[in-house]
């Protein structure tokens, strides 16, 4: 006697990205790529808002602008 093979895949949790809205083509590209792969996207206007949200809840991906490194150093201290 054979048992039928199940092709059902267990559901995975939706991944969440936090992005600094940089405007223009970069935002559009990131939105298209991530959304097409099922990501939930949350946008903020600057790095200060990223820090506040990152303290409040975890994100699978955080995309900041180029000056984020200095903010990160200050945040860790």
PDB file of N, CA and C in Angstrom:
ATOM      1  N   UNK A   1       0.848  -1.179   0.000  1.00  0.00           N
ATOM      2  CA  UNK A   1       0.000   0.000   0.000  1.00  0.00           C
ATOM      3  C   UNK A   1       0.891   1.239   0.000  1.00  0.00           C
ATOM      4  N   UNK A   2       0.588   2.163  -0.844  1.00  0.00           N
ATOM      5  CA  UNK A   2       1.363   3.406  -0.921  1.00  0.00           C
ATOM      6  C   UNK A   2       0.567   4.558  -0.331  1.00  0.00           C
ATOM      7  N   UNK A   3       1.281   5.475   0.218  1.00  0.00           N
ATOM      8  CA  UNK A   3       0.643   6.680   0.751  1.00  0.00           C
ATOM      9  C   UNK A   3       0.825   7.813  -0.237  1.00  0.00           C
ATOM     10  N   UNK A   4      -0.221   8.601  -0.424  1.00  0.00           N
ATOM     11  CA  UNK A   4      -0.086   9.727  -1.367  1.00  0.00           C
ATOM     12  C   UNK A   4       0.923  10.746  -0.864  1.00  0.00           C
ATOM     13  N   UNK A   5       1.654  11.301  -1.790  1.00  0.00           N
ATOM     14  CA  UNK A   5       2.643  12.326  -1.465  1.00  0.00           C
ATOM     15  C   UNK A   5       1.936  13.679  -1.401  1.00  0.00           C
ATOM     16  N   UNK A   6       2.167  14.382  -0.341  1.00  0.00           N
ATOM     17  CA  UNK A   6       1.554  15.698  -0.195  1.00  0.00           C
ATOM     18  C   UNK A   6       2.496  16.766  -0.727  1.00  0.00           C
ATOM     19  N   UNK A   7       1.984  17.634  -1.558  1.00  0.00           N
ATOM     20  CA  UNK A   7       2.810  18.713  -2.099  1.00  0.00           C
ATOM     21  C   UNK A   7       2.577  20.022  -1.356  1.00  0.00           C
ATOM     22  N   UNK A   8       1.809  19.961  -0.273  1.00  0.00           N
ATOM     23  CA  UNK A   8       1.530  21.177   0.491  1.00  0.00           C
ATOM     24  C   UNK A   8       2.800  21.653   1.176  1.00  0.00           C
ATOM     25  N   UNK A   9       3.008  22.922   1.107  1.00  0.00           N
ATOM     26  CA  UNK A   9       4.167  23.545   1.738  1.00  0.00           C
ATOM     27  C   UNK A   9       3.680  24.307   2.959  1.00  0.00           C
ATOM     28  N   UNK A  10       4.388  24.153   4.050  1.00  0.00           N
ATOM     29  CA  UNK A  10       4.012  24.875   5.263  1.00  0.00           C
ATOM     30  C   UNK A  10       4.120  26.374   5.021  1.00  0.00           C
ATOM     31  N   UNK A  11       3.141  27.128   5.512  1.00  0.00           N
ATOM     32  CA  UNK A  11       3.208  28.578   5.319  1.00  0.00           C
ATOM     33  C   UNK A  11       4.390  29.175   6.068  1.00  0.00           C
ATOM     34  N   UNK A  12       4.981  30.191   5.461  1.00  0.00           N
ATOM     35  CA  UNK A  12       6.095  30.879   6.099  1.00  0.00           C
ATOM     36  C   UNK A  12       5.625  32.254   6.556  1.00  0.00           C
ATOM     37  N   UNK A  13       6.254  32.745   7.581  1.00  0.00           N
ATOM     38  CA  UNK A  13       5.909  34.070   8.090  1.00  0.00           C
ATOM     39  C   UNK A  13       6.314  35.129   7.073  1.00  0.00           C
ATOM     40  N   UNK A  14       5.497  36.146   6.939  1.00  0.00           N
ATOM     41  CA  UNK A  14       5.819  37.216   6.006  1.00  0.00           C
ATOM     42  C   UNK A  14       6.998  38.012   6.542  1.00  0.00           C
ATOM     43  N   UNK A  15       7.949  38.257   5.693  1.00  0.00           N
ATOM     44  CA  UNK A  15       9.113  39.048   6.079  1.00  0.00           C
ATOM     45  C   UNK A  15       8.779  40.530   5.971  1.00  0.00           C
ATOM     46  N   UNK A  16       9.394  41.311   6.864  1.00  0.00           N
ATOM     47  CA  UNK A  16       9.117  42.740   6.909  1.00  0.00           C
ATOM     48  C   UNK A  16      10.397  43.536   6.703  1.00  0.00           C
ATOM     49  N   UNK A  17      10.333  44.505   5.793  1.00  0.00           N
ATOM     50  CA  UNK A  17      11.458  45.386   5.516  1.00  0.00           C
ATOM     51  C   UNK A  17      11.126  46.790   5.993  1.00  0.00           C
ATOM     52  N   UNK A  18      12.131  47.445   6.527  1.00  0.00           N
ATOM     53  CA  UNK A  18      12.017  48.839   6.950  1.00  0.00           C
ATOM     54  C   UNK A  18      12.942  49.659   6.062  1.00  0.00           C
ATOM     55  N   UNK A  19      12.379  50.611   5.340  1.00  0.00           N
ATOM     56  CA  UNK A  19      13.145  51.381   4.363  1.00  0.00           C
ATOM     57  C   UNK A  19      13.062  52.874   4.634  1.00  0.00           C
ATOM     58  N   UNK A  20      14.204  53.553   4.498  1.00  0.00           N
ATOM     59  CA  UNK A  20      14.189  55.013   4.471  1.00  0.00           C
ATOM     60  C   UNK A  20      13.764  55.410   3.064  1.00  0.00           C
ATOM     61  N   UNK A  21      12.710  56.181   2.984  1.00  0.00           N
ATOM     62  CA  UNK A  21      12.212  56.630   1.683  1.00  0.00           C
ATOM     63  C   UNK A  21      13.210  57.606   1.079  1.00  0.00           C
ATOM     64  N   UNK A  22      13.871  57.167   0.010  1.00  0.00           N
ATOM     65  CA  UNK A  22      14.868  58.020  -0.615  1.00  0.00           C
ATOM     66  C   UNK A  22      14.320  58.695  -1.866  1.00  0.00           C
ATOM     67  N   UNK A  23      13.175  58.250  -2.294  1.00  0.00           N
ATOM     68  CA  UNK A  23      12.533  58.852  -3.447  1.00  0.00           C
ATOM     69  C   UNK A  23      13.050  58.297  -4.759  1.00  0.00           C
ATOM     70  N   UNK A  24      12.262  58.465  -5.775  1.00  0.00           N
ATOM     71  CA  UNK A  24      12.685  58.127  -7.127  1.00  0.00           C
ATOM     72  C   UNK A  24      12.842  56.650  -7.421  1.00  0.00           C
ATOM     73  N   UNK A  25      13.805  56.367  -8.281  1.00  0.00           N
ATOM     74  CA  UNK A  25      14.001  55.031  -8.822  1.00  0.00           C
ATOM     75  C   UNK A  25      14.385  53.995  -7.780  1.00  0.00           C
ATOM     76  N   UNK A  26      15.149  54.389  -6.775  1.00  0.00           N
ATOM     77  CA  UNK A  26      15.584  53.441  -5.751  1.00  0.00           C
ATOM     78  C   UNK A  26      14.376  52.902  -4.989  1.00  0.00           C
ATOM     79  N   UNK A  27      13.496  53.778  -4.560  1.00  0.00           N
ATOM     80  CA  UNK A  27      12.283  53.343  -3.859  1.00  0.00           C
ATOM     81  C   UNK A  27      11.441  52.421  -4.732  1.00  0.00           C
ATOM     82  N   UNK A  28      11.278  52.798  -5.965  1.00  0.00           N
ATOM     83  CA  UNK A  28      10.467  51.998  -6.883  1.00  0.00           C
ATOM     84  C   UNK A  28      11.074  50.610  -7.096  1.00  0.00           C
ATOM     85  N   UNK A  29      12.378  50.560  -7.290  1.00  0.00           N
ATOM     86  CA  UNK A  29      13.054  49.283  -7.490  1.00  0.00           C
ATOM     87  C   UNK A  29      12.935  48.386  -6.262  1.00  0.00           C
ATOM     88  N   UNK A  30      13.245  48.921  -5.091  1.00  0.00           N
ATOM     89  CA  UNK A  30      13.142  48.138  -3.862  1.00  0.00           C
ATOM     90  C   UNK A  30      11.716  47.653  -3.616  1.00  0.00           C
ATOM     91  N   UNK A  31      10.758  48.520  -3.822  1.00  0.00           N
ATOM     92  CA  UNK A  31       9.357  48.138  -3.635  1.00  0.00           C
ATOM     93  C   UNK A  31       8.970  47.010  -4.573  1.00  0.00           C
ATOM     94  N   UNK A  32       9.328  47.129  -5.841  1.00  0.00           N
ATOM     95  CA  UNK A  32       8.972  46.103  -6.820  1.00  0.00           C
ATOM     96  C   UNK A  32       9.613  44.756  -6.498  1.00  0.00           C
ATOM     97  N   UNK A  33      10.887  44.770  -6.169  1.00  0.00           N
ATOM     98  CA  UNK A  33      11.600  43.522  -5.896  1.00  0.00           C
ATOM     99  C   UNK A  33      11.072  42.861  -4.625  1.00  0.00           C
ATOM    100  N   UNK A  34      10.971  43.629  -3.553  1.00  0.00           N
ATOM    101  CA  UNK A  34      10.545  43.047  -2.283  1.00  0.00           C
ATOM    102  C   UNK A  34       9.077  42.634  -2.306  1.00  0.00           C
ATOM    103  N   UNK A  35       8.220  43.483  -2.819  1.00  0.00           N
ATOM    104  CA  UNK A  35       6.787  43.165  -2.851  1.00  0.00           C
ATOM    105  C   UNK A  35       6.506  41.944  -3.720  1.00  0.00           C
ATOM    106  N   UNK A  36       7.225  41.807  -4.825  1.00  0.00           N
ATOM    107  CA  UNK A  36       7.001  40.646  -5.691  1.00  0.00           C
ATOM    108  C   UNK A  36       7.411  39.346  -5.021  1.00  0.00           C
ATOM    109  N   UNK A  37       8.236  39.446  -3.981  1.00  0.00           N
ATOM    110  CA  UNK A  37       8.659  38.262  -3.238  1.00  0.00           C
ATOM    111  C   UNK A  37       7.861  38.106  -1.941  1.00  0.00           C
ATOM    112  N   UNK A  38       6.809  38.909  -1.774  1.00  0.00           N
ATOM    113  CA  UNK A  38       5.917  38.762  -0.637  1.00  0.00           C
ATOM    114  C   UNK A  38       6.293  39.508   0.627  1.00  0.00           C
ATOM    115  N   UNK A  39       7.223  40.444   0.531  1.00  0.00           N
ATOM    116  CA  UNK A  39       7.643  41.212   1.704  1.00  0.00           C
ATOM    117  C   UNK A  39       6.602  42.274   2.050  1.00  0.00           C
ATOM    118  N   UNK A  40       6.467  42.526   3.327  1.00  0.00           N
ATOM    119  CA  UNK A  40       5.716  43.673   3.819  1.00  0.00           C
ATOM    120  C   UNK A  40       6.735  44.805   3.966  1.00  0.00           C
ATOM    121  N   UNK A  41       6.394  45.992   3.486  1.00  0.00           N
ATOM    122  CA  UNK A  41       7.346  47.101   3.476  1.00  0.00           C
ATOM    123  C   UNK A  41       6.811  48.247   4.319  1.00  0.00           C
ATOM    124  N   UNK A  42       7.637  48.706   5.239  1.00  0.00           N
ATOM    125  CA  UNK A  42       7.307  49.878   6.038  1.00  0.00           C
ATOM    126  C   UNK A  42       8.340  50.950   5.719  1.00  0.00           C
ATOM    127  N   UNK A  43       7.867  52.155   5.450  1.00  0.00           N
ATOM    128  CA  UNK A  43       8.760  53.257   5.082  1.00  0.00           C
ATOM    129  C   UNK A  43       8.818  54.300   6.190  1.00  0.00           C
ATOM    130  N   UNK A  44       9.974  54.907   6.310  1.00  0.00           N
ATOM    131  CA  UNK A  44      10.156  56.034   7.225  1.00  0.00           C
ATOM    132  C   UNK A  44      10.855  57.151   6.471  1.00  0.00           C
ATOM    133  N   UNK A  45      10.805  58.350   7.034  1.00  0.00           N
ATOM    134  CA  UNK A  45      11.360  59.501   6.321  1.00  0.00           C
ATOM    135  C   UNK A  45      12.841  59.722   6.569  1.00  0.00           C
ATOM    136  N   UNK A  46      13.372  59.195   7.687  1.00  0.00           N
ATOM    137  CA  UNK A  46      14.790  59.422   7.975  1.00  0.00           C
ATOM    138  C   UNK A  46      15.326  58.348   8.919  1.00  0.00           C
ATOM    139  N   UNK A  47      16.633  58.415   9.164  1.00  0.00           N
ATOM    140  CA  UNK A  47      17.294  57.414   9.999  1.00  0.00           C
ATOM    141  C   UNK A  47      16.844  57.455  11.457  1.00  0.00           C
ATOM    142  N   UNK A  48      16.473  58.613  11.961  1.00  0.00           N
ATOM    143  CA  UNK A  48      15.985  58.697  13.344  1.00  0.00           C
ATOM    144  C   UNK A  48      14.744  57.818  13.522  1.00  0.00           C
ATOM    145  N   UNK A  49      13.876  57.820  12.521  1.00  0.00           N
ATOM    146  CA  UNK A  49      12.673  56.998  12.600  1.00  0.00           C
ATOM    147  C   UNK A  49      13.022  55.510  12.507  1.00  0.00           C
ATOM    148  N   UNK A  50      14.053  55.170  11.742  1.00  0.00           N
ATOM    149  CA  UNK A  50      14.489  53.774  11.685  1.00  0.00           C
ATOM    150  C   UNK A  50      14.896  53.313  13.080  1.00  0.00           C
ATOM    151  N   UNK A  51      15.675  54.129  13.777  1.00  0.00           N
ATOM    152  CA  UNK A  51      16.135  53.746  15.106  1.00  0.00           C
ATOM    153  C   UNK A  51      14.967  53.539  16.061  1.00  0.00           C
ATOM    154  N   UNK A  52      13.999  54.427  16.024  1.00  0.00           N
ATOM    155  CA  UNK A  52      12.849  54.311  16.917  1.00  0.00           C
ATOM    156  C   UNK A  52      12.069  53.024  16.634  1.00  0.00           C
ATOM    157  N   UNK A  53      11.828  52.730  15.380  1.00  0.00           N
ATOM    158  CA  UNK A  53      11.075  51.522  15.034  1.00  0.00           C
ATOM    159  C   UNK A  53      11.875  50.249  15.286  1.00  0.00           C
ATOM    160  N   UNK A  54      13.176  50.293  15.029  1.00  0.00           N
ATOM    161  CA  UNK A  54      14.017  49.111  15.253  1.00  0.00           C
ATOM    162  C   UNK A  54      14.093  48.769  16.741  1.00  0.00           C
ATOM    163  N   UNK A  55      13.993  49.762  17.585  1.00  0.00           N
ATOM    164  CA  UNK A  55      13.955  49.504  19.030  1.00  0.00           C
ATOM    165  C   UNK A  55      12.635  48.867  19.435  1.00  0.00           C
ATOM    166  N   UNK A  56      11.571  49.215  18.736  1.00  0.00           N
ATOM    167  CA  UNK A  56      10.231  48.770  19.108  1.00  0.00           C
ATOM    168  C   UNK A  56       9.899  47.364  18.623  1.00  0.00           C
ATOM    169  N   UNK A  57      10.409  46.985  17.450  1.00  0.00           N
ATOM    170  CA  UNK A  57      10.086  45.660  16.926  1.00  0.00           C
ATOM    171  C   UNK A  57      11.161  45.203  15.952  1.00  0.00           C
ATOM    172  N   UNK A  58      11.273  43.897  15.768  1.00  0.00           N
ATOM    173  CA  UNK A  58      12.307  43.389  14.854  1.00  0.00           C
ATOM    174  C   UNK A  58      11.871  43.485  13.384  1.00  0.00           C
ATOM    175  N   UNK A  59      12.848  43.664  12.522  1.00  0.00           N
ATOM    176  CA  UNK A  59      12.631  43.661  11.082  1.00  0.00           C
ATOM    177  C   UNK A  59      13.586  42.651  10.466  1.00  0.00           C
ATOM    178  N   UNK A  60      13.182  42.055   9.368  1.00  0.00           N
ATOM    179  CA  UNK A  60      14.035  41.102   8.668  1.00  0.00           C
ATOM    180  C   UNK A  60      15.078  41.811   7.822  1.00  0.00           C
ATOM    181  N   UNK A  61      14.761  43.022   7.394  1.00  0.00           N
ATOM    182  CA  UNK A  61      15.656  43.800   6.542  1.00  0.00           C
ATOM    183  C   UNK A  61      15.471  45.277   6.856  1.00  0.00           C
ATOM    184  N   UNK A  62      16.584  45.991   7.015  1.00  0.00           N
ATOM    185  CA  UNK A  62      16.536  47.444   7.203  1.00  0.00           C
ATOM    186  C   UNK A  62      17.435  48.070   6.152  1.00  0.00           C
ATOM    187  N   UNK A  63      16.864  48.974   5.359  1.00  0.00           N
ATOM    188  CA  UNK A  63      17.623  49.678   4.327  1.00  0.00           C
ATOM    189  C   UNK A  63      17.614  51.159   4.686  1.00  0.00           C
ATOM    190  N   UNK A  64      18.806  51.665   5.012  1.00  0.00           N
ATOM    191  CA  UNK A  64      18.947  53.060   5.424  1.00  0.00           C
ATOM    192  C   UNK A  64      19.711  53.836   4.364  1.00  0.00           C
ATOM    193  N   UNK A  65      19.791  55.141   4.561  1.00  0.00           N
ATOM    194  CA  UNK A  65      20.580  55.925   3.615  1.00  0.00           C
ATOM    195  C   UNK A  65      22.049  55.901   4.018  1.00  0.00           C
ATOM    196  N   UNK A  66      22.891  56.542   3.248  1.00  0.00           N
ATOM    197  CA  UNK A  66      24.337  56.453   3.408  1.00  0.00           C
ATOM    198  C   UNK A  66      24.907  56.964   4.709  1.00  0.00           C
ATOM    199  N   UNK A  67      24.186  57.804   5.432  1.00  0.00           N
ATOM    200  CA  UNK A  67      24.742  58.356   6.665  1.00  0.00           C
ATOM    201  C   UNK A  67      24.310  57.570   7.896  1.00  0.00           C
ATOM    202  N   UNK A  68      23.733  56.403   7.704  1.00  0.00           N
ATOM    203  CA  UNK A  68      23.216  55.622   8.820  1.00  0.00           C
ATOM    204  C   UNK A  68      24.301  55.125   9.766  1.00  0.00           C
ATOM    205  N   UNK A  69      25.494  54.868   9.272  1.00  0.00           N
ATOM    206  CA  UNK A  69      26.550  54.316  10.105  1.00  0.00           C
ATOM    207  C   UNK A  69      26.809  55.174  11.338  1.00  0.00           C
ATOM    208  N   UNK A  70      26.856  56.481  11.180  1.00  0.00           N
ATOM    209  CA  UNK A  70      27.053  57.371  12.315  1.00  0.00           C
ATOM    210  C   UNK A  70      25.915  57.293  13.312  1.00  0.00           C
ATOM    211  N   UNK A  71      24.687  57.197  12.815  1.00  0.00           N
ATOM    212  CA  UNK A  71      23.545  57.040  13.700  1.00  0.00           C
ATOM    213  C   UNK A  71      23.637  55.723  14.459  1.00  0.00           C
ATOM    214  N   UNK A  72      24.048  54.647  13.783  1.00  0.00           N
ATOM    215  CA  UNK A  72      24.148  53.339  14.414  1.00  0.00           C
ATOM    216  C   UNK A  72      25.173  53.348  15.537  1.00  0.00           C
ATOM    217  N   UNK A  73      26.285  53.977  15.298  1.00  0.00           N
ATOM    218  CA  UNK A  73      27.316  54.064  16.344  1.00  0.00           C
ATOM    219  C   UNK A  73      26.760  54.772  17.581  1.00  0.00           C
ATOM    220  N   UNK A  74      26.045  55.875  17.370  1.00  0.00           N
ATOM    221  CA  UNK A  74      25.478  56.608  18.494  1.00  0.00           C
ATOM    222  C   UNK A  74      24.380  55.812  19.195  1.00  0.00           C
ATOM    223  N   UNK A  75      23.624  55.041  18.450  1.00  0.00           N
ATOM    224  CA  UNK A  75      22.523  54.256  18.989  1.00  0.00           C
ATOM    225  C   UNK A  75      23.028  53.148  19.901  1.00  0.00           C
ATOM    226  N   UNK A  76      24.131  52.544  19.538  1.00  0.00           N
ATOM    227  CA  UNK A  76      24.683  51.437  20.304  1.00  0.00           C
ATOM    228  C   UNK A  76      25.239  51.894  21.641  1.00  0.00           C
ATOM    229  N   UNK A  77      25.688  53.120  21.722  1.00  0.00           N
ATOM    230  CA  UNK A  77      26.303  53.626  22.974  1.00  0.00           C
ATOM    231  C   UNK A  77      25.278  54.087  23.972  1.00  0.00           C
TER     232      UNK A  77
END
